[in-house]
Amino acid sequence: MTQWPNPIETVVGLEMCRDLYGKNMGDFDLTTLIDSYDKTGRMIYNLAKSWTTFTDGRRDRAS
């Protein structure tokens, strides 16, 4: 199974890059990228939470 990077860790890394190298990044918009990763991480978390609830409910009905 492929291990995907944790979105929260990625956001922290991007924020560190922005803080350290922001002046050297030119017109690259790190703030938008950080915002996208933050929103994606929240969506993945909510999807995992919903999926767990859904599969637990199906298991309970099958018993």
Protein backbone atom coordinates (compact mmCIF):
# COMPACT_ATOMS: atom_id res chain seq x y z
CA MET A 1 0.00 0.00 0.00
CA THR A 2 1.29 3.45 -0.88
CA GLN A 3 1.89 5.74 2.07
CA TRP A 4 0.70 9.24 1.16
CA PRO A 5 2.16 12.28 2.89
CA ASN A 6 0.19 13.58 5.82
CA PRO A 7 -1.48 16.85 4.69
CA ILE A 8 -0.86 18.48 8.08
CA GLU A 9 2.86 17.71 7.91
CA THR A 10 2.93 19.01 4.35
CA VAL A 11 1.28 22.27 5.43
CA VAL A 12 3.85 22.70 8.19
CA GLY A 13 6.67 22.10 5.70
CA LEU A 14 5.21 24.57 3.21
CA GLU A 15 4.78 27.20 5.91
CA MET A 16 8.41 26.73 6.91
CA CYS A 17 9.47 27.15 3.26
CA ARG A 18 7.36 30.29 2.99
CA ASP A 19 8.88 31.72 6.17
CA LEU A 20 12.45 30.85 5.22
CA TYR A 21 12.47 31.37 1.45
CA GLY A 22 9.40 33.50 0.78
CA LYS A 23 11.37 36.42 -0.59
CA ASN A 24 13.17 34.13 -3.03
CA MET A 25 10.02 32.44 -4.34
CA GLY A 26 9.19 35.20 -6.81
CA ASP A 27 5.59 35.13 -7.94
CA PHE A 28 4.91 31.58 -6.71
CA ASP A 29 1.85 31.79 -4.45
CA LEU A 30 2.61 29.53 -1.48
CA THR A 31 -0.34 30.89 0.51
CA THR A 32 -2.81 29.46 -2.00
CA LEU A 33 -0.98 26.13 -2.04
CA ILE A 34 -0.99 25.98 1.77
CA ASP A 35 -4.70 26.80 1.81
CA SER A 36 -5.38 24.01 -0.71
CA TYR A 37 -3.47 21.44 1.35
CA ASP A 38 -5.28 22.57 4.50
CA LYS A 39 -8.71 22.19 2.89
CA THR A 40 -7.74 18.86 1.32
CA GLY A 41 -6.54 17.54 4.68
CA ARG A 42 -9.84 18.48 6.30
CA MET A 43 -11.83 16.83 3.50
CA ILE A 44 -9.77 13.63 3.75
CA TYR A 45 -10.25 13.55 7.51
CA ASN A 46 -14.02 14.00 7.18
CA LEU A 47 -14.18 11.37 4.43
CA ALA A 48 -12.28 8.86 6.58
CA LYS A 49 -14.55 9.61 9.53
CA SER A 50 -17.69 9.16 7.41
CA TRP A 51 -16.35 5.99 5.82
CA THR A 52 -15.65 4.47 9.24
CA THR A 53 -19.17 5.29 10.39
CA PHE A 54 -20.62 3.86 7.16
CA THR A 55 -18.67 0.60 7.31
CA ASP A 56 -19.35 0.14 11.04
CA GLY A 57 -23.07 0.60 10.36
CA ARG A 58 -23.00 -2.01 7.60
CA ARG A 59 -21.19 -4.46 9.88
CA ASP A 60 -23.80 -3.95 12.60
CA ARG A 61 -26.67 -4.63 10.19
CA ALA A 62 -24.99 -7.78 8.86
CA SER A 63 -24.73 -9.32 12.34
